[in-house]
Amino acid sequence: MESAYADPQLLRDLGARGGRFAPEIGVEVVVGAETAGVPLAASISVTAELPFAFVRKPGYHGHELDEPPVRGADVAGRRVLLVDDAISSGSSVERFAASLAGVGAELVGVFVLVDMRDVAPTVSPVAAALPTESVSTYLQVLDLATANGVLDPTLHELTVDAIVNQWADDDPRWNLLPVTADGALAVPLREACPLVGANALADTEQG
């Protein structure tokens, strides 16, 4: 998803989406979640003319022990918008929310490129309760990929079935060789689907 940031016009357009959302919930500081949320948060802050900061990824081993969890604008006592690339189970949001609360910030909303909560097996109470705006949902991304010829219709159908019905990781259907418009694939569905395995949603958010 970070490749969306490579196009300056697209990044400006994405920032404009977030820039419209921030005033609706009374945001005072835009905070990017390290690392994928930082470029988008910066774009939103420019569009909305709001201060910018970024919050460190909790527990990341590359940080110094005495590094502050939040860099940039002062967030203490201020209403902040957390910006990231995606949200699914909400585990990352919970960790970032705890870091922000630790320095006195009030997290009032979340803005992401892709909202995956509707296909996540579970969603944390914090992520479920926070006002959240997204550019798209994951199922909408799959629909667009199919409509634009990026994803084969058969793979699209199987992927949506696997996500919506939450196939178990040991479901034998993962090992089938899907038959697409171009014939049978040489790899099993587990490798061919854009999102595979029972734990893929959680893995995606932690990446």
C-alpha atoms as a PDB file:
ATOM      1  CA  MET A   1       0.000   0.000   0.000  1.00  0.00           C
ATOM      2  CA  GLU A   2       2.923   2.305   0.606  1.00  0.00           C
ATOM      3  CA  SER A   3       3.509   2.409  -3.182  1.00  0.00           C
ATOM      4  CA  ALA A   4       0.549   4.807  -3.337  1.00  0.00           C
ATOM      5  CA  TYR A   5       2.844   7.401  -1.782  1.00  0.00           C
ATOM      6  CA  ALA A   6       5.208   7.332  -4.761  1.00  0.00           C
ATOM      7  CA  ASP A   7       2.863   9.430  -6.917  1.00  0.00           C
ATOM      8  CA  PRO A   8       2.837  13.039  -5.629  1.00  0.00           C
ATOM      9  CA  GLN A   9      -0.603  13.815  -7.067  1.00  0.00           C
ATOM     10  CA  LEU A  10      -2.094  10.665  -5.563  1.00  0.00           C
ATOM     11  CA  LEU A  11      -0.514  11.451  -2.195  1.00  0.00           C
ATOM     12  CA  ARG A  12      -2.013  14.960  -2.336  1.00  0.00           C
ATOM     13  CA  ASP A  13      -5.429  13.519  -3.185  1.00  0.00           C
ATOM     14  CA  LEU A  14      -5.221  11.017  -0.327  1.00  0.00           C
ATOM     15  CA  GLY A  15      -4.172  13.820   1.997  1.00  0.00           C
ATOM     16  CA  ALA A  16      -7.179  15.831   0.895  1.00  0.00           C
ATOM     17  CA  ARG A  17      -9.480  12.969   1.940  1.00  0.00           C
ATOM     18  CA  GLY A  18      -8.002  12.960   5.415  1.00  0.00           C
ATOM     19  CA  GLY A  19      -7.913  16.737   5.466  1.00  0.00           C
ATOM     20  CA  ARG A  20     -11.700  16.834   5.116  1.00  0.00           C
ATOM     21  CA  PHE A  21     -12.174  14.294   7.903  1.00  0.00           C
ATOM     22  CA  ALA A  22      -9.911  15.936  10.505  1.00  0.00           C
ATOM     23  CA  PRO A  23     -11.990  19.123  11.057  1.00  0.00           C
ATOM     24  CA  GLU A  24     -15.190  17.084  11.369  1.00  0.00           C
ATOM     25  CA  ILE A  25     -13.961  15.558  14.632  1.00  0.00           C
ATOM     26  CA  GLY A  26     -12.117  18.589  15.980  1.00  0.00           C
ATOM     27  CA  VAL A  27      -8.545  17.389  15.391  1.00  0.00           C
ATOM     28  CA  GLU A  28      -5.741  19.647  16.618  1.00  0.00           C
ATOM     29  CA  VAL A  29      -2.705  17.551  15.604  1.00  0.00           C
ATOM     30  CA  VAL A  30      -2.274  14.944  12.847  1.00  0.00           C
ATOM     31  CA  VAL A  31      -0.124  12.015  14.006  1.00  0.00           C
ATOM     32  CA  GLY A  32       1.412   9.475  11.634  1.00  0.00           C
ATOM     33  CA  ALA A  33       1.901   5.908  12.852  1.00  0.00           C
ATOM     34  CA  GLU A  34       5.452   4.729  12.239  1.00  0.00           C
ATOM     35  CA  THR A  35       6.255   3.957   9.513  1.00  0.00           C
ATOM     36  CA  ALA A  36       3.594   3.549   6.847  1.00  0.00           C
ATOM     37  CA  GLY A  37       1.317   6.246   8.241  1.00  0.00           C
ATOM     38  CA  VAL A  38       3.914   9.025   8.286  1.00  0.00           C
ATOM     39  CA  PRO A  39       3.825  10.206   4.627  1.00  0.00           C
ATOM     40  CA  LEU A  40       0.017  10.200   4.553  1.00  0.00           C
ATOM     41  CA  ALA A  41      -0.204  12.051   7.875  1.00  0.00           C
ATOM     42  CA  ALA A  42       2.188  14.711   6.597  1.00  0.00           C
ATOM     43  CA  SER A  43       0.037  15.185   3.502  1.00  0.00           C
ATOM     44  CA  ILE A  44      -3.106  15.479   5.642  1.00  0.00           C
ATOM     45  CA  SER A  45      -1.483  18.016   7.937  1.00  0.00           C
ATOM     46  CA  VAL A  46      -0.531  20.200   4.969  1.00  0.00           C
ATOM     47  CA  THR A  47      -4.029  19.999   3.485  1.00  0.00           C
ATOM     48  CA  ALA A  48      -5.794  20.655   6.781  1.00  0.00           C
ATOM     49  CA  GLU A  49      -3.178  23.195   7.917  1.00  0.00           C
ATOM     50  CA  LEU A  50      -2.742  21.347  11.191  1.00  0.00           C
ATOM     51  CA  PRO A  51       0.439  20.542  13.153  1.00  0.00           C
ATOM     52  CA  PHE A  52       2.149  17.230  12.377  1.00  0.00           C
ATOM     53  CA  ALA A  53       3.755  14.624  14.606  1.00  0.00           C
ATOM     54  CA  PHE A  54       4.553  10.924  14.406  1.00  0.00           C
ATOM     55  CA  VAL A  55       4.313   8.193  16.998  1.00  0.00           C
ATOM     56  CA  ARG A  56       6.960   5.514  17.287  1.00  0.00           C
ATOM     57  CA  LYS A  57       6.051   1.871  16.757  1.00  0.00           C
ATOM     58  CA  PRO A  58       5.859   0.422  20.303  1.00  0.00           C
ATOM     59  CA  GLY A  59       8.472  -2.233  21.002  1.00  0.00           C
ATOM     60  CA  TYR A  60      10.482  -1.650  17.823  1.00  0.00           C
ATOM     61  CA  HIS A  61      14.031  -2.854  18.501  1.00  0.00           C
ATOM     62  CA  GLY A  62      15.700  -0.206  16.343  1.00  0.00           C
ATOM     63  CA  HIS A  63      14.773   2.572  18.773  1.00  0.00           C
ATOM     64  CA  GLU A  64      16.970   3.914  21.535  1.00  0.00           C
ATOM     65  CA  LEU A  65      15.645   3.270  25.028  1.00  0.00           C
ATOM     66  CA  ASP A  66      15.420   6.978  25.824  1.00  0.00           C
ATOM     67  CA  GLU A  67      13.726   8.001  22.562  1.00  0.00           C
ATOM     68  CA  PRO A  68      10.445   9.867  23.076  1.00  0.00           C
ATOM     69  CA  PRO A  69       7.416   7.940  21.776  1.00  0.00           C
ATOM     70  CA  VAL A  70       6.139  10.952  19.851  1.00  0.00           C
ATOM     71  CA  ARG A  71       8.161  13.360  17.712  1.00  0.00           C
ATOM     72  CA  GLY A  72       7.123  16.615  16.059  1.00  0.00           C
ATOM     73  CA  ALA A  73       4.351  18.864  17.292  1.00  0.00           C
ATOM     74  CA  ASP A  74       3.415  18.844  20.977  1.00  0.00           C
ATOM     75  CA  VAL A  75       0.414  16.546  21.486  1.00  0.00           C
ATOM     76  CA  ALA A  76      -0.062  16.859  25.251  1.00  0.00           C
ATOM     77  CA  GLY A  77      -3.619  17.910  26.059  1.00  0.00           C
ATOM     78  CA  ARG A  78      -4.558  18.050  22.371  1.00  0.00           C
ATOM     79  CA  ARG A  79      -7.038  16.139  20.200  1.00  0.00           C
ATOM     80  CA  VAL A  80      -5.127  14.005  17.702  1.00  0.00           C
ATOM     81  CA  LEU A  81      -5.903  12.009  14.566  1.00  0.00           C
ATOM     82  CA  LEU A  82      -3.923   8.779  14.145  1.00  0.00           C
ATOM     83  CA  VAL A  83      -3.024   8.004  10.526  1.00  0.00           C
ATOM     84  CA  ASP A  84      -1.896   4.585   9.295  1.00  0.00           C
ATOM     85  CA  ASP A  85      -1.988   2.539   6.092  1.00  0.00           C
ATOM     86  CA  ALA A  86      -4.514  -0.055   7.322  1.00  0.00           C
ATOM     87  CA  ILE A  87      -6.580  -1.215  10.251  1.00  0.00           C
ATOM     88  CA  SER A  88      -7.857  -4.764  10.823  1.00  0.00           C
ATOM     89  CA  SER A  89      -8.030  -6.258  14.318  1.00  0.00           C
ATOM     90  CA  GLY A  90      -7.093  -2.933  15.860  1.00  0.00           C
ATOM     91  CA  SER A  91      -4.148  -4.311  17.835  1.00  0.00           C
ATOM     92  CA  SER A  92      -1.785  -1.721  16.359  1.00  0.00           C
ATOM     93  CA  VAL A  93      -4.261   1.077  17.053  1.00  0.00           C
ATOM     94  CA  GLU A  94      -4.443  -0.024  20.685  1.00  0.00           C
ATOM     95  CA  ARG A  95      -0.660   0.106  21.053  1.00  0.00           C
ATOM     96  CA  PHE A  96      -0.358   3.489  19.383  1.00  0.00           C
ATOM     97  CA  ALA A  97      -3.286   4.798  21.445  1.00  0.00           C
ATOM     98  CA  ALA A  98      -1.508   3.742  24.634  1.00  0.00           C
ATOM     99  CA  SER A  99       1.667   5.557  23.533  1.00  0.00           C
ATOM    100  CA  LEU A 100      -0.293   8.712  22.765  1.00  0.00           C
ATOM    101  CA  ALA A 101      -2.196   8.554  26.057  1.00  0.00           C
ATOM    102  CA  GLY A 102       1.145   8.173  27.829  1.00  0.00           C
ATOM    103  CA  VAL A 103       2.197  11.637  26.672  1.00  0.00           C
ATOM    104  CA  GLY A 104      -1.175  13.229  27.408  1.00  0.00           C
ATOM    105  CA  ALA A 105      -2.753  13.187  23.939  1.00  0.00           C
ATOM    106  CA  GLU A 106      -6.445  12.551  23.324  1.00  0.00           C
ATOM    107  CA  LEU A 107      -6.951  10.176  20.388  1.00  0.00           C
ATOM    108  CA  VAL A 108     -10.241  11.177  18.750  1.00  0.00           C
ATOM    109  CA  GLY A 109     -10.131   9.360  15.418  1.00  0.00           C
ATOM    110  CA  VAL A 110      -8.273   7.220  12.898  1.00  0.00           C
ATOM    111  CA  PHE A 111      -7.689   7.676   9.161  1.00  0.00           C
ATOM    112  CA  VAL A 112      -6.371   4.803   7.006  1.00  0.00           C
ATOM    113  CA  LEU A 113      -5.996   3.871   3.379  1.00  0.00           C
ATOM    114  CA  VAL A 114      -7.724   0.506   3.815  1.00  0.00           C
ATOM    115  CA  ASP A 115     -10.209  -0.476   6.526  1.00  0.00           C
ATOM    116  CA  MET A 116     -10.088  -4.264   7.003  1.00  0.00           C
ATOM    117  CA  ARG A 117     -12.174  -4.477  10.171  1.00  0.00           C
ATOM    118  CA  ASP A 118     -15.174  -5.866   8.301  1.00  0.00           C
ATOM    119  CA  VAL A 119     -13.186  -8.991   7.396  1.00  0.00           C
ATOM    120  CA  ALA A 120     -11.167  -9.335  10.605  1.00  0.00           C
ATOM    121  CA  PRO A 121     -12.026 -12.287  12.879  1.00  0.00           C
ATOM    122  CA  THR A 122     -12.029  -9.963  15.891  1.00  0.00           C
ATOM    123  CA  VAL A 123     -11.748  -6.214  16.438  1.00  0.00           C
ATOM    124  CA  SER A 124     -10.465  -4.624  19.631  1.00  0.00           C
ATOM    125  CA  PRO A 125     -12.881  -2.440  21.614  1.00  0.00           C
ATOM    126  CA  VAL A 126     -10.689   0.615  21.057  1.00  0.00           C
ATOM    127  CA  ALA A 127     -10.616   0.185  17.277  1.00  0.00           C
ATOM    128  CA  ALA A 128     -14.343  -0.525  17.166  1.00  0.00           C
ATOM    129  CA  ALA A 129     -15.233   2.607  19.145  1.00  0.00           C
ATOM    130  CA  LEU A 130     -12.993   5.218  17.526  1.00  0.00           C
ATOM    131  CA  PRO A 131     -14.398   7.277  14.630  1.00  0.00           C
ATOM    132  CA  THR A 132     -12.567   5.890  11.608  1.00  0.00           C
ATOM    133  CA  GLU A 133     -12.426   7.077   8.014  1.00  0.00           C
ATOM    134  CA  SER A 134     -10.820   5.161   5.154  1.00  0.00           C
ATOM    135  CA  VAL A 135     -10.199   5.531   1.452  1.00  0.00           C
ATOM    136  CA  SER A 136     -11.478   1.993   0.862  1.00  0.00           C
ATOM    137  CA  THR A 137     -12.312  -1.320   2.480  1.00  0.00           C
ATOM    138  CA  TYR A 138     -10.366  -4.469   1.644  1.00  0.00           C
ATOM    139  CA  LEU A 139     -13.296  -6.045  -0.173  1.00  0.00           C
ATOM    140  CA  GLN A 140     -13.636  -2.885  -2.277  1.00  0.00           C
ATOM    141  CA  VAL A 141      -9.942  -3.149  -3.173  1.00  0.00           C
ATOM    142  CA  LEU A 142     -10.500  -6.714  -4.388  1.00  0.00           C
ATOM    143  CA  ASP A 143     -13.546  -5.618  -6.402  1.00  0.00           C
ATOM    144  CA  LEU A 144     -11.555  -2.848  -8.094  1.00  0.00           C
ATOM    145  CA  ALA A 145      -8.630  -5.173  -8.783  1.00  0.00           C
ATOM    146  CA  THR A 146     -10.980  -7.604 -10.516  1.00  0.00           C
ATOM    147  CA  ALA A 147     -12.770  -4.871 -12.474  1.00  0.00           C
ATOM    148  CA  ASN A 148      -9.411  -3.574 -13.750  1.00  0.00           C
ATOM    149  CA  GLY A 149      -8.087  -6.985 -14.756  1.00  0.00           C
ATOM    150  CA  VAL A 150      -5.494  -7.208 -11.989  1.00  0.00           C
ATOM    151  CA  LEU A 151      -7.219 -10.071 -10.147  1.00  0.00           C
ATOM    152  CA  ASP A 152      -8.758 -13.062 -11.919  1.00  0.00           C
ATOM    153  CA  PRO A 153     -12.539 -13.344 -11.261  1.00  0.00           C
ATOM    154  CA  THR A 154     -12.182 -16.918  -9.997  1.00  0.00           C
ATOM    155  CA  LEU A 155      -9.484 -15.909  -7.535  1.00  0.00           C
ATOM    156  CA  HIS A 156     -11.622 -12.952  -6.506  1.00  0.00           C
ATOM    157  CA  GLU A 157     -14.586 -15.208  -5.756  1.00  0.00           C
ATOM    158  CA  LEU A 158     -12.494 -17.699  -3.782  1.00  0.00           C
ATOM    159  CA  THR A 159     -10.645 -14.970  -1.887  1.00  0.00           C
ATOM    160  CA  VAL A 160     -13.853 -13.243  -0.835  1.00  0.00           C
ATOM    161  CA  ASP A 161     -15.317 -16.594   0.226  1.00  0.00           C
ATOM    162  CA  ALA A 162     -12.206 -17.346   2.295  1.00  0.00           C
ATOM    163  CA  ILE A 163     -12.283 -13.944   3.984  1.00  0.00           C
ATOM    164  CA  VAL A 164     -15.997 -13.593   4.617  1.00  0.00           C
ATOM    165  CA  ASN A 165     -16.437 -17.186   5.805  1.00  0.00           C
ATOM    166  CA  GLN A 166     -13.099 -17.187   7.662  1.00  0.00           C
ATOM    167  CA  TRP A 167     -11.605 -20.395   6.337  1.00  0.00           C
ATOM    168  CA  ALA A 168      -9.459 -22.103   8.956  1.00  0.00           C
ATOM    169  CA  ASP A 169      -5.732 -22.259   8.299  1.00  0.00           C
ATOM    170  CA  ASP A 170      -5.948 -26.030   7.841  1.00  0.00           C
ATOM    171  CA  ASP A 171      -8.949 -25.915   5.486  1.00  0.00           C
ATOM    172  CA  PRO A 172      -8.151 -28.337   2.602  1.00  0.00           C
ATOM    173  CA  ARG A 173      -9.469 -25.825   0.044  1.00  0.00           C
ATOM    174  CA  TRP A 174      -6.281 -23.780   0.508  1.00  0.00           C
ATOM    175  CA  ASN A 175      -4.365 -26.595  -1.224  1.00  0.00           C
ATOM    176  CA  LEU A 176      -6.550 -26.735  -4.341  1.00  0.00           C
ATOM    177  CA  LEU A 177      -5.184 -25.602  -7.718  1.00  0.00           C
ATOM    178  CA  PRO A 178      -7.643 -22.890  -8.855  1.00  0.00           C
ATOM    179  CA  VAL A 179      -8.863 -22.958 -12.452  1.00  0.00           C
ATOM    180  CA  THR A 180      -8.883 -19.448 -13.904  1.00  0.00           C
ATOM    181  CA  ALA A 181      -9.727 -18.094 -17.344  1.00  0.00           C
ATOM    182  CA  ASP A 182      -6.166 -18.972 -18.381  1.00  0.00           C
ATOM    183  CA  GLY A 183      -6.383 -22.552 -17.094  1.00  0.00           C
ATOM    184  CA  ALA A 184      -5.313 -24.276 -13.881  1.00  0.00           C
ATOM    185  CA  LEU A 185      -2.731 -22.444 -11.788  1.00  0.00           C
ATOM    186  CA  ALA A 186       0.565 -24.082 -10.919  1.00  0.00           C
ATOM    187  CA  VAL A 187       0.353 -22.935  -7.298  1.00  0.00           C
ATOM    188  CA  PRO A 188      -2.287 -23.736  -4.667  1.00  0.00           C
ATOM    189  CA  LEU A 189      -4.907 -21.251  -3.583  1.00  0.00           C
ATOM    190  CA  ARG A 190      -2.919 -20.518  -0.421  1.00  0.00           C
ATOM    191  CA  GLU A 191      -0.197 -18.912  -2.539  1.00  0.00           C
ATOM    192  CA  ALA A 192      -2.434 -17.465  -5.249  1.00  0.00           C
ATOM    193  CA  CYS A 193      -4.927 -15.532  -3.116  1.00  0.00           C
ATOM    194  CA  PRO A 194      -4.106 -11.918  -2.237  1.00  0.00           C
ATOM    195  CA  LEU A 195      -4.878 -12.682   1.404  1.00  0.00           C
ATOM    196  CA  VAL A 196      -4.193 -16.182   2.701  1.00  0.00           C
ATOM    197  CA  GLY A 197      -4.254 -18.201   5.888  1.00  0.00           C
ATOM    198  CA  ALA A 198      -6.191 -17.862   9.098  1.00  0.00           C
ATOM    199  CA  ASN A 199      -3.765 -15.351  10.608  1.00  0.00           C
ATOM    200  CA  ALA A 200      -3.165 -13.178   7.558  1.00  0.00           C
ATOM    201  CA  LEU A 201      -5.221 -10.201   8.726  1.00  0.00           C
ATOM    202  CA  ALA A 202      -3.352  -9.923  11.998  1.00  0.00           C
ATOM    203  CA  ASP A 203      -0.025 -10.333  10.214  1.00  0.00           C
ATOM    204  CA  THR A 204      -0.934  -7.576   7.730  1.00  0.00           C
ATOM    205  CA  GLU A 205      -1.647  -5.051  10.439  1.00  0.00           C
ATOM    206  CA  GLN A 206       1.505  -5.774  12.358  1.00  0.00           C
ATOM    207  CA  GLY A 207       3.715  -5.327   9.313  1.00  0.00           C
END
